[in-house]
Amino acid sequence: MADVVLGEDGLPTNSATVGRSGSTGELPGYEFSFWTDIGAPRNTPAEIVDKLNAEINAALADPRMKARLADFGGTPLPGSPVQFDKLIAEETEKWGKVIRAANIKAGRLRALGVANATRIAALPDVPAVAEFVPGYEAGGTQGIGAPRNTPVEIIDKLNREINAGLADPTMRARIAELGNTPLALSPAEYGRLLAEETEKWGKVVKFTGIKPE
């Protein structure tokens, strides 16, 4: 049985792989690694994506780059956008099976706490970290956006359809299975939430002195 602190997160989309880090061969079948990548907007022309990919792979073949990645315990993982899409699908399926409320309820994982401000409906017996670390809250949200100048009537229609989907029992059950909570908001409410989250994490960045690299 493994211990895990649950959070709510998103997943990357497509493009070229830069590097992969971590793993041990001491336990047969055990693998725990992560990777970073360089992405491009979804509709970027294929010839531009292919050129970027070729340049990135050339950089990953450079001995100096390999040595620098090795300093961080990383391993270059060159490939094509198609190969990276396949990797994402595999990783999504793998971790979707691991970090799942059903695994915690079955005793295959022991959740130490949830990162939300309060307990979640899917795991009512798992405490929020805030219960023993007052003020702690690091839950995340996932939303659907549209271009800035999208007509209001289209925004409202999208919002109604999305919220109707979130009200569907099958959808709610699937979201709960993954340890998440449906959050049906209006466009204005979600806008306020994004502003609050931006302000909150902006304070964290300033307080900790985090710098972009």
N, C-alpha and C. Protein backbone atom coordinates (compact mmCIF):
# COMPACT_ATOMS: atom_id res chain seq x y z
N MET A 1 0.85 -1.19 0.00
CA MET A 1 0.00 0.00 0.00
C MET A 1 0.89 1.24 0.00
N ALA A 2 0.55 2.22 -0.83
CA ALA A 2 1.34 3.44 -0.93
C ALA A 2 0.61 4.61 -0.30
N ASP A 3 1.37 5.59 0.17
CA ASP A 3 0.78 6.82 0.70
C ASP A 3 0.75 7.86 -0.40
N VAL A 4 -0.28 8.69 -0.41
CA VAL A 4 -0.37 9.71 -1.44
C VAL A 4 -1.15 10.90 -0.88
N VAL A 5 -0.71 12.11 -1.23
CA VAL A 5 -1.47 13.32 -0.93
C VAL A 5 -2.14 13.73 -2.23
N LEU A 6 -3.45 13.77 -2.23
CA LEU A 6 -4.18 14.01 -3.47
C LEU A 6 -4.31 15.49 -3.76
N GLY A 7 -4.27 15.83 -5.04
CA GLY A 7 -4.57 17.16 -5.50
C GLY A 7 -5.40 17.06 -6.75
N GLU A 8 -5.77 18.19 -7.32
CA GLU A 8 -6.49 18.20 -8.59
C GLU A 8 -5.57 18.84 -9.61
N ASP A 9 -5.33 18.18 -10.74
CA ASP A 9 -4.39 18.73 -11.70
C ASP A 9 -4.88 18.55 -13.11
N GLY A 10 -4.14 19.20 -14.02
CA GLY A 10 -4.42 19.05 -15.43
C GLY A 10 -3.33 18.27 -16.09
N LEU A 11 -3.45 18.04 -17.39
CA LEU A 11 -2.46 17.28 -18.14
C LEU A 11 -1.97 18.10 -19.32
N PRO A 12 -0.72 17.93 -19.75
CA PRO A 12 -0.23 18.64 -20.92
C PRO A 12 -0.88 18.12 -22.19
N THR A 13 -0.63 18.78 -23.32
CA THR A 13 -1.22 18.33 -24.57
C THR A 13 -0.18 17.68 -25.45
N ASN A 14 0.29 18.34 -26.48
CA ASN A 14 1.14 17.61 -27.44
C ASN A 14 2.51 18.27 -27.59
N SER A 15 3.40 17.65 -28.34
CA SER A 15 4.63 18.21 -28.88
C SER A 15 5.84 17.35 -28.62
N ALA A 16 7.02 17.97 -28.51
CA ALA A 16 8.27 17.21 -28.46
C ALA A 16 8.76 17.02 -27.04
N THR A 17 9.32 15.86 -26.77
CA THR A 17 9.82 15.55 -25.44
C THR A 17 11.20 16.15 -25.22
N VAL A 18 11.44 16.73 -24.06
CA VAL A 18 12.75 17.26 -23.73
C VAL A 18 13.54 16.29 -22.87
N GLY A 19 12.94 15.79 -21.81
CA GLY A 19 13.69 14.88 -20.95
C GLY A 19 12.80 14.12 -20.00
N ARG A 20 13.35 13.08 -19.45
CA ARG A 20 12.62 12.23 -18.51
C ARG A 20 13.53 12.00 -17.31
N SER A 21 12.95 11.98 -16.12
CA SER A 21 13.79 11.89 -14.94
C SER A 21 13.32 10.80 -13.99
N GLY A 22 14.28 10.21 -13.30
CA GLY A 22 14.00 9.30 -12.22
C GLY A 22 13.69 7.89 -12.64
N SER A 23 13.83 6.93 -11.85
CA SER A 23 13.43 5.52 -11.91
C SER A 23 14.51 4.68 -11.29
N THR A 24 14.10 3.54 -10.78
CA THR A 24 15.03 2.65 -10.13
C THR A 24 14.80 1.24 -10.61
N GLY A 25 15.87 0.46 -10.72
CA GLY A 25 15.73 -0.92 -11.15
C GLY A 25 15.80 -1.89 -10.00
N GLU A 26 15.77 -1.37 -8.76
CA GLU A 26 15.91 -2.24 -7.61
C GLU A 26 14.64 -3.03 -7.31
N LEU A 27 13.50 -2.52 -7.75
CA LEU A 27 12.23 -3.20 -7.52
C LEU A 27 11.65 -3.59 -8.87
N PRO A 28 11.57 -4.88 -9.19
CA PRO A 28 11.06 -5.30 -10.49
C PRO A 28 9.67 -4.75 -10.76
N GLY A 29 9.52 -4.15 -11.93
CA GLY A 29 8.22 -3.62 -12.32
C GLY A 29 7.94 -2.22 -11.81
N TYR A 30 8.80 -1.72 -10.91
CA TYR A 30 8.57 -0.37 -10.36
C TYR A 30 9.08 0.69 -11.32
N GLU A 31 8.27 1.70 -11.56
CA GLU A 31 8.71 2.81 -12.40
C GLU A 31 7.96 4.06 -11.97
N PHE A 32 8.71 5.08 -11.60
CA PHE A 32 8.11 6.35 -11.23
C PHE A 32 8.96 7.44 -11.84
N SER A 33 8.48 8.03 -12.89
CA SER A 33 9.27 9.04 -13.60
C SER A 33 8.37 10.15 -14.08
N PHE A 34 8.98 11.24 -14.49
CA PHE A 34 8.22 12.32 -15.08
C PHE A 34 9.03 12.93 -16.21
N TRP A 35 8.36 13.69 -17.06
CA TRP A 35 9.04 14.27 -18.20
C TRP A 35 8.58 15.70 -18.39
N THR A 36 9.40 16.46 -19.08
CA THR A 36 9.03 17.83 -19.45
C THR A 36 9.05 17.91 -20.96
N ASP A 37 8.34 18.87 -21.49
CA ASP A 37 8.25 18.96 -22.94
C ASP A 37 8.12 20.41 -23.39
N ILE A 38 8.25 20.62 -24.67
CA ILE A 38 8.02 21.93 -25.28
C ILE A 38 6.82 21.80 -26.19
N GLY A 39 5.79 22.60 -25.96
CA GLY A 39 4.55 22.47 -26.72
C GLY A 39 4.35 23.59 -27.70
N ALA A 40 3.34 23.44 -28.51
CA ALA A 40 2.95 24.45 -29.49
C ALA A 40 1.43 24.47 -29.54
N PRO A 41 0.82 25.60 -29.93
CA PRO A 41 -0.64 25.64 -30.04
C PRO A 41 -1.16 24.51 -30.92
N ARG A 42 -2.37 24.04 -30.60
CA ARG A 42 -2.92 22.86 -31.26
C ARG A 42 -2.93 22.96 -32.78
N ASN A 43 -3.22 24.13 -33.34
CA ASN A 43 -3.36 24.26 -34.79
C ASN A 43 -2.09 24.74 -35.49
N THR A 44 -0.96 24.64 -34.82
CA THR A 44 0.31 25.00 -35.45
C THR A 44 0.54 24.11 -36.68
N PRO A 45 0.90 24.70 -37.83
CA PRO A 45 1.13 23.89 -39.04
C PRO A 45 2.13 22.76 -38.79
N ALA A 46 1.87 21.61 -39.42
CA ALA A 46 2.71 20.42 -39.19
C ALA A 46 4.17 20.67 -39.55
N GLU A 47 4.40 21.47 -40.60
CA GLU A 47 5.79 21.69 -41.01
C GLU A 47 6.57 22.48 -39.94
N ILE A 48 5.88 23.36 -39.23
CA ILE A 48 6.53 24.12 -38.16
C ILE A 48 6.81 23.21 -36.96
N VAL A 49 5.81 22.37 -36.61
CA VAL A 49 6.00 21.43 -35.51
C VAL A 49 7.16 20.48 -35.81
N ASP A 50 7.22 19.99 -37.07
CA ASP A 50 8.30 19.07 -37.45
C ASP A 50 9.66 19.76 -37.38
N LYS A 51 9.71 21.03 -37.80
CA LYS A 51 10.99 21.75 -37.74
C LYS A 51 11.43 21.96 -36.30
N LEU A 52 10.47 22.37 -35.44
CA LEU A 52 10.78 22.54 -34.02
C LEU A 52 11.27 21.23 -33.42
N ASN A 53 10.59 20.14 -33.76
CA ASN A 53 10.96 18.84 -33.23
C ASN A 53 12.37 18.44 -33.66
N ALA A 54 12.70 18.71 -34.94
CA ALA A 54 14.04 18.36 -35.44
C ALA A 54 15.12 19.16 -34.70
N GLU A 55 14.84 20.44 -34.45
CA GLU A 55 15.82 21.29 -33.76
C GLU A 55 15.98 20.86 -32.30
N ILE A 56 14.87 20.51 -31.67
CA ILE A 56 14.93 20.06 -30.27
C ILE A 56 15.71 18.76 -30.17
N ASN A 57 15.41 17.82 -31.06
CA ASN A 57 16.12 16.55 -31.03
C ASN A 57 17.61 16.73 -31.29
N ALA A 58 17.96 17.69 -32.17
CA ALA A 58 19.38 17.98 -32.43
C ALA A 58 20.04 18.51 -31.17
N ALA A 59 19.32 19.38 -30.43
CA ALA A 59 19.87 19.93 -29.19
C ALA A 59 20.06 18.83 -28.14
N LEU A 60 19.10 17.90 -28.10
CA LEU A 60 19.20 16.81 -27.12
C LEU A 60 20.35 15.87 -27.42
N ALA A 61 20.82 15.87 -28.67
CA ALA A 61 21.95 15.01 -29.05
C ALA A 61 23.29 15.65 -28.73
N ASP A 62 23.27 16.94 -28.39
CA ASP A 62 24.51 17.66 -28.07
C ASP A 62 25.08 17.16 -26.75
N PRO A 63 26.35 16.79 -26.69
CA PRO A 63 26.95 16.27 -25.45
C PRO A 63 26.81 17.22 -24.26
N ARG A 64 26.87 18.53 -24.53
CA ARG A 64 26.75 19.49 -23.43
C ARG A 64 25.35 19.46 -22.84
N MET A 65 24.35 19.34 -23.71
CA MET A 65 22.98 19.26 -23.23
C MET A 65 22.76 17.97 -22.44
N LYS A 66 23.30 16.87 -22.94
CA LYS A 66 23.17 15.60 -22.24
C LYS A 66 23.80 15.68 -20.85
N ALA A 67 24.96 16.31 -20.80
CA ALA A 67 25.67 16.43 -19.51
C ALA A 67 24.87 17.30 -18.54
N ARG A 68 24.27 18.38 -19.06
CA ARG A 68 23.49 19.27 -18.19
C ARG A 68 22.25 18.56 -17.66
N LEU A 69 21.57 17.81 -18.52
CA LEU A 69 20.40 17.05 -18.08
C LEU A 69 20.80 16.01 -17.04
N ALA A 70 21.98 15.39 -17.26
CA ALA A 70 22.45 14.37 -16.32
C ALA A 70 22.72 14.98 -14.95
N ASP A 71 23.14 16.26 -14.91
CA ASP A 71 23.36 16.95 -13.64
C ASP A 71 22.09 16.97 -12.79
N PHE A 72 20.95 17.01 -13.48
CA PHE A 72 19.66 17.04 -12.78
C PHE A 72 19.04 15.66 -12.66
N GLY A 73 19.80 14.63 -13.04
CA GLY A 73 19.27 13.28 -12.97
C GLY A 73 18.34 12.94 -14.10
N GLY A 74 18.39 13.72 -15.19
CA GLY A 74 17.48 13.52 -16.31
C GLY A 74 18.11 12.74 -17.44
N THR A 75 17.26 12.21 -18.29
CA THR A 75 17.69 11.45 -19.46
C THR A 75 17.02 12.03 -20.70
N PRO A 76 17.77 12.44 -21.71
CA PRO A 76 17.15 12.96 -22.93
C PRO A 76 16.24 11.91 -23.56
N LEU A 77 15.10 12.36 -24.05
CA LEU A 77 14.14 11.44 -24.64
C LEU A 77 13.67 12.03 -25.97
N PRO A 78 14.52 11.96 -26.99
CA PRO A 78 14.12 12.50 -28.29
C PRO A 78 13.01 11.67 -28.91
N GLY A 79 12.27 12.25 -29.81
CA GLY A 79 11.20 11.51 -30.47
C GLY A 79 10.41 12.43 -31.37
N SER A 80 9.33 11.92 -31.89
CA SER A 80 8.46 12.69 -32.78
C SER A 80 7.22 13.12 -32.03
N PRO A 81 6.48 14.14 -32.55
CA PRO A 81 5.22 14.52 -31.91
C PRO A 81 4.25 13.35 -31.77
N VAL A 82 4.22 12.47 -32.76
CA VAL A 82 3.33 11.30 -32.69
C VAL A 82 3.73 10.39 -31.53
N GLN A 83 5.04 10.17 -31.38
CA GLN A 83 5.51 9.34 -30.28
C GLN A 83 5.18 9.98 -28.94
N PHE A 84 5.27 11.30 -28.87
CA PHE A 84 4.99 11.98 -27.60
C PHE A 84 3.50 11.92 -27.28
N ASP A 85 2.64 12.04 -28.30
CA ASP A 85 1.21 11.89 -28.06
C ASP A 85 0.91 10.50 -27.49
N LYS A 86 1.61 9.49 -28.01
CA LYS A 86 1.43 8.12 -27.52
C LYS A 86 1.88 8.02 -26.06
N LEU A 87 3.01 8.68 -25.74
CA LEU A 87 3.51 8.68 -24.37
C LEU A 87 2.50 9.31 -23.42
N ILE A 88 1.93 10.44 -23.83
CA ILE A 88 0.93 11.11 -23.00
C ILE A 88 -0.25 10.20 -22.74
N ALA A 89 -0.72 9.52 -23.80
CA ALA A 89 -1.86 8.61 -23.64
C ALA A 89 -1.54 7.50 -22.65
N GLU A 90 -0.33 6.95 -22.75
CA GLU A 90 0.08 5.87 -21.85
C GLU A 90 0.18 6.36 -20.41
N GLU A 91 0.79 7.53 -20.21
CA GLU A 91 0.96 8.07 -18.86
C GLU A 91 -0.39 8.43 -18.25
N THR A 92 -1.27 9.01 -19.08
CA THR A 92 -2.59 9.38 -18.59
C THR A 92 -3.36 8.16 -18.13
N GLU A 93 -3.30 7.09 -18.93
CA GLU A 93 -3.99 5.87 -18.55
C GLU A 93 -3.39 5.27 -17.28
N LYS A 94 -2.05 5.27 -17.20
CA LYS A 94 -1.38 4.68 -16.04
C LYS A 94 -1.74 5.40 -14.76
N TRP A 95 -1.57 6.73 -14.75
CA TRP A 95 -1.82 7.46 -13.51
C TRP A 95 -3.29 7.62 -13.23
N GLY A 96 -4.12 7.57 -14.28
CA GLY A 96 -5.56 7.58 -14.06
C GLY A 96 -6.01 6.35 -13.29
N LYS A 97 -5.28 5.24 -13.48
CA LYS A 97 -5.61 4.01 -12.76
C LYS A 97 -5.07 4.04 -11.33
N VAL A 98 -3.97 4.76 -11.13
CA VAL A 98 -3.34 4.78 -9.80
C VAL A 98 -4.02 5.76 -8.87
N ILE A 99 -4.04 7.04 -9.25
CA ILE A 99 -4.63 8.07 -8.38
C ILE A 99 -6.12 8.09 -8.64
N ARG A 100 -6.82 7.20 -8.06
CA ARG A 100 -8.26 7.06 -8.26
C ARG A 100 -8.90 6.76 -6.92
N ALA A 101 -10.03 7.39 -6.67
CA ALA A 101 -10.68 7.22 -5.37
C ALA A 101 -10.97 5.75 -5.08
N ALA A 102 -11.31 4.98 -6.12
CA ALA A 102 -11.63 3.57 -5.92
C ALA A 102 -10.46 2.80 -5.34
N ASN A 103 -9.23 3.15 -5.75
CA ASN A 103 -8.05 2.47 -5.21
C ASN A 103 -7.85 2.79 -3.74
N ILE A 104 -8.21 3.99 -3.34
CA ILE A 104 -8.08 4.37 -1.93
C ILE A 104 -9.14 3.65 -1.10
N LYS A 105 -10.36 3.61 -1.61
CA LYS A 105 -11.44 2.94 -0.89
C LYS A 105 -11.15 1.44 -0.74
N ALA A 106 -10.47 0.88 -1.75
CA ALA A 106 -10.17 -0.56 -1.72
C ALA A 106 -8.94 -0.87 -0.87
N GLY A 107 -8.24 0.16 -0.39
CA GLY A 107 -7.08 -0.06 0.46
C GLY A 107 -5.77 -0.24 -0.29
N ARG A 108 -5.79 -0.07 -1.62
CA ARG A 108 -4.54 -0.20 -2.38
C ARG A 108 -3.66 1.03 -2.22
N LEU A 109 -4.28 2.16 -1.91
CA LEU A 109 -3.55 3.39 -1.58
C LEU A 109 -4.09 3.92 -0.26
N ARG A 110 -3.24 4.57 0.50
CA ARG A 110 -3.69 5.23 1.72
C ARG A 110 -3.51 6.72 1.53
N ALA A 111 -4.59 7.45 1.46
CA ALA A 111 -4.52 8.90 1.27
C ALA A 111 -4.22 9.57 2.60
N LEU A 112 -3.19 10.38 2.63
CA LEU A 112 -2.85 11.12 3.85
C LEU A 112 -3.71 12.36 4.01
N GLY A 113 -4.17 12.90 2.89
CA GLY A 113 -5.01 14.09 2.97
C GLY A 113 -5.34 14.58 1.57
N VAL A 114 -6.33 15.43 1.47
CA VAL A 114 -6.66 16.07 0.20
C VAL A 114 -6.23 17.53 0.27
N ALA A 115 -5.82 18.06 -0.86
CA ALA A 115 -5.26 19.40 -0.88
C ALA A 115 -6.32 20.49 -0.91
N ASN A 116 -7.58 20.11 -1.08
CA ASN A 116 -8.66 21.10 -1.06
C ASN A 116 -8.81 21.70 0.33
N ALA A 117 -9.54 22.80 0.42
CA ALA A 117 -9.74 23.46 1.70
C ALA A 117 -10.56 22.60 2.65
N THR A 118 -11.46 21.79 2.09
CA THR A 118 -12.31 20.91 2.91
C THR A 118 -12.28 19.50 2.33
N ARG A 119 -12.85 18.55 3.05
CA ARG A 119 -12.92 17.18 2.57
C ARG A 119 -13.77 17.12 1.30
N ILE A 120 -13.50 16.11 0.47
CA ILE A 120 -14.26 15.96 -0.76
C ILE A 120 -15.27 14.83 -0.62
N ALA A 121 -16.37 14.95 -1.36
CA ALA A 121 -17.47 13.99 -1.23
C ALA A 121 -17.04 12.57 -1.58
N ALA A 122 -16.10 12.43 -2.54
CA ALA A 122 -15.69 11.09 -2.97
C ALA A 122 -14.91 10.35 -1.89
N LEU A 123 -14.26 11.11 -0.98
CA LEU A 123 -13.44 10.49 0.07
C LEU A 123 -13.73 11.18 1.40
N PRO A 124 -14.92 11.02 1.92
CA PRO A 124 -15.30 11.76 3.14
C PRO A 124 -14.49 11.40 4.38
N ASP A 125 -13.84 10.23 4.38
CA ASP A 125 -13.06 9.82 5.55
C ASP A 125 -11.61 10.29 5.48
N VAL A 126 -11.23 10.89 4.36
CA VAL A 126 -9.86 11.39 4.20
C VAL A 126 -9.83 12.86 4.61
N PRO A 127 -9.01 13.23 5.58
CA PRO A 127 -9.01 14.61 6.05
C PRO A 127 -8.42 15.57 5.02
N ALA A 128 -8.84 16.81 5.11
CA ALA A 128 -8.18 17.86 4.34
C ALA A 128 -6.88 18.20 5.06
N VAL A 129 -5.83 18.51 4.32
CA VAL A 129 -4.56 18.86 4.94
C VAL A 129 -4.75 20.05 5.88
N ALA A 130 -5.73 20.91 5.56
CA ALA A 130 -5.99 22.09 6.38
C ALA A 130 -6.42 21.73 7.80
N GLU A 131 -6.86 20.49 8.01
CA GLU A 131 -7.28 20.08 9.35
C GLU A 131 -6.10 19.93 10.30
N PHE A 132 -4.89 19.69 9.74
CA PHE A 132 -3.72 19.62 10.61
C PHE A 132 -2.64 20.62 10.22
N VAL A 133 -2.83 21.33 9.11
CA VAL A 133 -1.98 22.46 8.74
C VAL A 133 -2.94 23.62 8.43
N PRO A 134 -3.33 24.38 9.44
CA PRO A 134 -4.33 25.43 9.26
C PRO A 134 -3.99 26.39 8.12
N GLY A 135 -4.99 26.64 7.28
CA GLY A 135 -4.80 27.57 6.18
C GLY A 135 -4.29 26.94 4.90
N TYR A 136 -3.93 25.66 4.96
CA TYR A 136 -3.39 25.00 3.75
C TYR A 136 -4.51 24.75 2.75
N GLU A 137 -4.25 25.10 1.50
CA GLU A 137 -5.20 24.83 0.42
C GLU A 137 -4.45 24.94 -0.90
N ALA A 138 -4.42 23.85 -1.63
CA ALA A 138 -3.71 23.85 -2.92
C ALA A 138 -4.50 23.08 -3.97
N GLY A 139 -5.81 23.14 -3.87
CA GLY A 139 -6.64 22.48 -4.86
C GLY A 139 -6.56 23.24 -6.19
N GLY A 140 -6.81 22.53 -7.25
CA GLY A 140 -6.80 23.15 -8.58
C GLY A 140 -8.14 23.00 -9.26
N THR A 141 -8.34 23.72 -10.31
CA THR A 141 -9.58 23.61 -11.08
C THR A 141 -9.23 23.46 -12.56
N GLN A 142 -10.15 22.88 -13.29
CA GLN A 142 -10.02 22.78 -14.74
C GLN A 142 -11.27 23.39 -15.36
N GLY A 143 -11.08 24.22 -16.34
CA GLY A 143 -12.22 24.88 -16.97
C GLY A 143 -12.09 24.91 -18.48
N ILE A 144 -13.10 25.39 -19.12
CA ILE A 144 -13.11 25.51 -20.58
C ILE A 144 -13.26 26.98 -20.93
N GLY A 145 -12.34 27.49 -21.74
CA GLY A 145 -12.36 28.90 -22.11
C GLY A 145 -12.69 29.10 -23.58
N ALA A 146 -12.84 30.35 -23.95
CA ALA A 146 -13.11 30.73 -25.33
C ALA A 146 -12.35 32.02 -25.62
N PRO A 147 -12.10 32.33 -26.89
CA PRO A 147 -11.39 33.57 -27.22
C PRO A 147 -12.08 34.80 -26.62
N ARG A 148 -11.29 35.83 -26.33
CA ARG A 148 -11.77 37.00 -25.61
C ARG A 148 -13.01 37.63 -26.23
N ASN A 149 -13.09 37.73 -27.53
CA ASN A 149 -14.19 38.45 -28.18
C ASN A 149 -15.33 37.54 -28.62
N THR A 150 -15.42 36.35 -28.06
CA THR A 150 -16.54 35.46 -28.39
C THR A 150 -17.85 36.11 -27.94
N PRO A 151 -18.88 36.13 -28.80
CA PRO A 151 -20.17 36.75 -28.43
C PRO A 151 -20.74 36.16 -27.15
N VAL A 152 -21.39 37.02 -26.35
CA VAL A 152 -21.93 36.61 -25.06
C VAL A 152 -22.92 35.47 -25.20
N GLU A 153 -23.75 35.51 -26.26
CA GLU A 153 -24.76 34.46 -26.40
C GLU A 153 -24.12 33.09 -26.62
N ILE A 154 -22.98 33.05 -27.29
CA ILE A 154 -22.27 31.79 -27.49
C ILE A 154 -21.65 31.31 -26.17
N ILE A 155 -21.06 32.25 -25.43
CA ILE A 155 -20.50 31.92 -24.11
C ILE A 155 -21.59 31.33 -23.21
N ASP A 156 -22.75 31.97 -23.19
CA ASP A 156 -23.84 31.51 -22.33
C ASP A 156 -24.33 30.13 -22.74
N LYS A 157 -24.42 29.89 -24.05
CA LYS A 157 -24.87 28.58 -24.53
C LYS A 157 -23.86 27.50 -24.15
N LEU A 158 -22.58 27.78 -24.35
CA LEU A 158 -21.55 26.84 -23.95
C LEU A 158 -21.63 26.54 -22.46
N ASN A 159 -21.81 27.58 -21.67
CA ASN A 159 -21.88 27.42 -20.22
C ASN A 159 -23.06 26.54 -19.82
N ARG A 160 -24.22 26.76 -20.44
CA ARG A 160 -25.40 25.94 -20.12
C ARG A 160 -25.16 24.47 -20.45
N GLU A 161 -24.57 24.22 -21.63
CA GLU A 161 -24.34 22.83 -22.05
C GLU A 161 -23.30 22.14 -21.17
N ILE A 162 -22.25 22.86 -20.82
CA ILE A 162 -21.21 22.28 -19.95
C ILE A 162 -21.78 21.97 -18.57
N ASN A 163 -22.55 22.90 -18.01
CA ASN A 163 -23.13 22.68 -16.69
C ASN A 163 -24.16 21.54 -16.72
N ALA A 164 -24.85 21.41 -17.85
CA ALA A 164 -25.79 20.29 -17.99
C ALA A 164 -25.02 18.97 -17.98
N GLY A 165 -23.88 18.96 -18.64
CA GLY A 165 -23.04 17.76 -18.64
C GLY A 165 -22.54 17.42 -17.24
N LEU A 166 -22.16 18.46 -16.48
CA LEU A 166 -21.68 18.24 -15.12
C LEU A 166 -22.78 17.77 -14.17
N ALA A 167 -24.04 18.01 -14.57
CA ALA A 167 -25.16 17.56 -13.74
C ALA A 167 -25.55 16.12 -14.04
N ASP A 168 -25.02 15.56 -15.13
CA ASP A 168 -25.36 14.20 -15.51
C ASP A 168 -24.80 13.20 -14.49
N PRO A 169 -25.61 12.29 -13.98
CA PRO A 169 -25.14 11.34 -12.95
C PRO A 169 -23.94 10.52 -13.38
N THR A 170 -23.90 10.10 -14.66
CA THR A 170 -22.76 9.31 -15.14
C THR A 170 -21.48 10.13 -15.12
N MET A 171 -21.58 11.39 -15.56
CA MET A 171 -20.43 12.27 -15.55
C MET A 171 -19.97 12.55 -14.12
N ARG A 172 -20.91 12.80 -13.23
CA ARG A 172 -20.55 13.09 -11.84
C ARG A 172 -19.89 11.89 -11.18
N ALA A 173 -20.39 10.70 -11.51
CA ALA A 173 -19.80 9.49 -10.92
C ALA A 173 -18.37 9.29 -11.41
N ARG A 174 -18.13 9.56 -12.70
CA ARG A 174 -16.79 9.41 -13.25
C ARG A 174 -15.83 10.42 -12.65
N ILE A 175 -16.28 11.65 -12.49
CA ILE A 175 -15.44 12.68 -11.88
C ILE A 175 -15.12 12.32 -10.43
N ALA A 176 -16.12 11.82 -9.70
CA ALA A 176 -15.91 11.42 -8.31
C ALA A 176 -14.95 10.25 -8.22
N GLU A 177 -15.02 9.33 -9.19
CA GLU A 177 -14.13 8.17 -9.20
C GLU A 177 -12.67 8.61 -9.26
N LEU A 178 -12.44 9.72 -9.93
CA LEU A 178 -11.08 10.25 -10.05
C LEU A 178 -10.69 11.12 -8.86
N GLY A 179 -11.61 11.23 -7.88
CA GLY A 179 -11.30 11.99 -6.67
C GLY A 179 -11.54 13.48 -6.81
N ASN A 180 -12.33 13.88 -7.79
CA ASN A 180 -12.59 15.30 -8.02
C ASN A 180 -14.04 15.65 -7.72
N THR A 181 -14.35 16.94 -7.74
CA THR A 181 -15.69 17.43 -7.44
C THR A 181 -16.18 18.32 -8.57
N PRO A 182 -17.34 18.03 -9.16
CA PRO A 182 -17.87 18.90 -10.22
C PRO A 182 -18.11 20.31 -9.68
N LEU A 183 -17.80 21.30 -10.48
CA LEU A 183 -17.95 22.69 -10.05
C LEU A 183 -18.64 23.45 -11.18
N ALA A 184 -19.97 23.53 -11.10
CA ALA A 184 -20.75 24.21 -12.14
C ALA A 184 -20.88 25.68 -11.78
N LEU A 185 -20.25 26.54 -12.56
CA LEU A 185 -20.26 27.97 -12.30
C LEU A 185 -20.74 28.73 -13.53
N SER A 186 -21.13 29.96 -13.31
CA SER A 186 -21.43 30.85 -14.44
C SER A 186 -20.12 31.42 -14.97
N PRO A 187 -20.12 32.00 -16.17
CA PRO A 187 -18.88 32.62 -16.67
C PRO A 187 -18.34 33.67 -15.71
N ALA A 188 -19.23 34.46 -15.12
CA ALA A 188 -18.77 35.51 -14.19
C ALA A 188 -18.16 34.89 -12.93
N GLU A 189 -18.78 33.84 -12.42
CA GLU A 189 -18.26 33.18 -11.22
C GLU A 189 -16.90 32.55 -11.49
N TYR A 190 -16.77 31.92 -12.65
CA TYR A 190 -15.48 31.30 -12.96
C TYR A 190 -14.41 32.36 -13.19
N GLY A 191 -14.80 33.49 -13.76
CA GLY A 191 -13.85 34.59 -13.94
C GLY A 191 -13.33 35.09 -12.60
N ARG A 192 -14.24 35.21 -11.62
CA ARG A 192 -13.82 35.64 -10.28
C ARG A 192 -12.91 34.61 -9.64
N LEU A 193 -13.23 33.33 -9.83
CA LEU A 193 -12.39 32.28 -9.27
C LEU A 193 -10.98 32.34 -9.85
N LEU A 194 -10.88 32.53 -11.16
CA LEU A 194 -9.56 32.63 -11.79
C LEU A 194 -8.78 33.83 -11.25
N ALA A 195 -9.48 34.94 -11.06
CA ALA A 195 -8.81 36.14 -10.53
C ALA A 195 -8.31 35.89 -9.11
N GLU A 196 -9.14 35.22 -8.29
CA GLU A 196 -8.73 34.91 -6.92
C GLU A 196 -7.54 33.96 -6.88
N GLU A 197 -7.56 32.94 -7.75
CA GLU A 197 -6.45 31.99 -7.80
C GLU A 197 -5.17 32.66 -8.28
N THR A 198 -5.31 33.54 -9.26
CA THR A 198 -4.13 34.27 -9.77
C THR A 198 -3.51 35.13 -8.68
N GLU A 199 -4.37 35.82 -7.92
CA GLU A 199 -3.87 36.65 -6.83
C GLU A 199 -3.21 35.81 -5.75
N LYS A 200 -3.85 34.70 -5.39
CA LYS A 200 -3.32 33.83 -4.33
C LYS A 200 -1.95 33.29 -4.69
N TRP A 201 -1.83 32.69 -5.88
CA TRP A 201 -0.56 32.09 -6.25
C TRP A 201 0.49 33.13 -6.61
N GLY A 202 0.03 34.32 -7.00
CA GLY A 202 0.98 35.42 -7.21
C GLY A 202 1.66 35.79 -5.90
N LYS A 203 0.90 35.79 -4.80
CA LYS A 203 1.48 36.06 -3.48
C LYS A 203 2.48 34.99 -3.09
N VAL A 204 2.16 33.73 -3.41
CA VAL A 204 3.09 32.63 -3.11
C VAL A 204 4.40 32.82 -3.85
N VAL A 205 4.30 33.17 -5.13
CA VAL A 205 5.50 33.37 -5.95
C VAL A 205 6.35 34.49 -5.37
N LYS A 206 5.72 35.60 -5.01
CA LYS A 206 6.47 36.74 -4.46
C LYS A 206 7.08 36.40 -3.11
N PHE A 207 6.32 35.71 -2.25
CA PHE A 207 6.81 35.39 -0.92
C PHE A 207 8.00 34.44 -0.97
N THR A 208 7.94 33.47 -1.85
CA THR A 208 9.01 32.47 -1.92
C THR A 208 10.18 32.94 -2.77
N GLY A 209 9.98 34.01 -3.55
CA GLY A 209 11.06 34.49 -4.40
C GLY A 209 11.29 33.63 -5.62
N ILE A 210 10.28 32.87 -6.04
CA ILE A 210 10.43 32.03 -7.21
C ILE A 210 10.72 32.89 -8.44
N LYS A 211 11.70 32.45 -9.23
CA LYS A 211 12.08 33.19 -10.43
C LYS A 211 11.90 32.28 -11.65
N PRO A 212 11.46 32.83 -12.77
CA PRO A 212 11.35 32.01 -14.00
C PRO A 212 12.73 31.62 -14.49
N GLU A 213 12.88 30.41 -14.99
CA GLU A 213 14.16 29.93 -15.50
C GLU A 213 13.99 29.38 -16.91
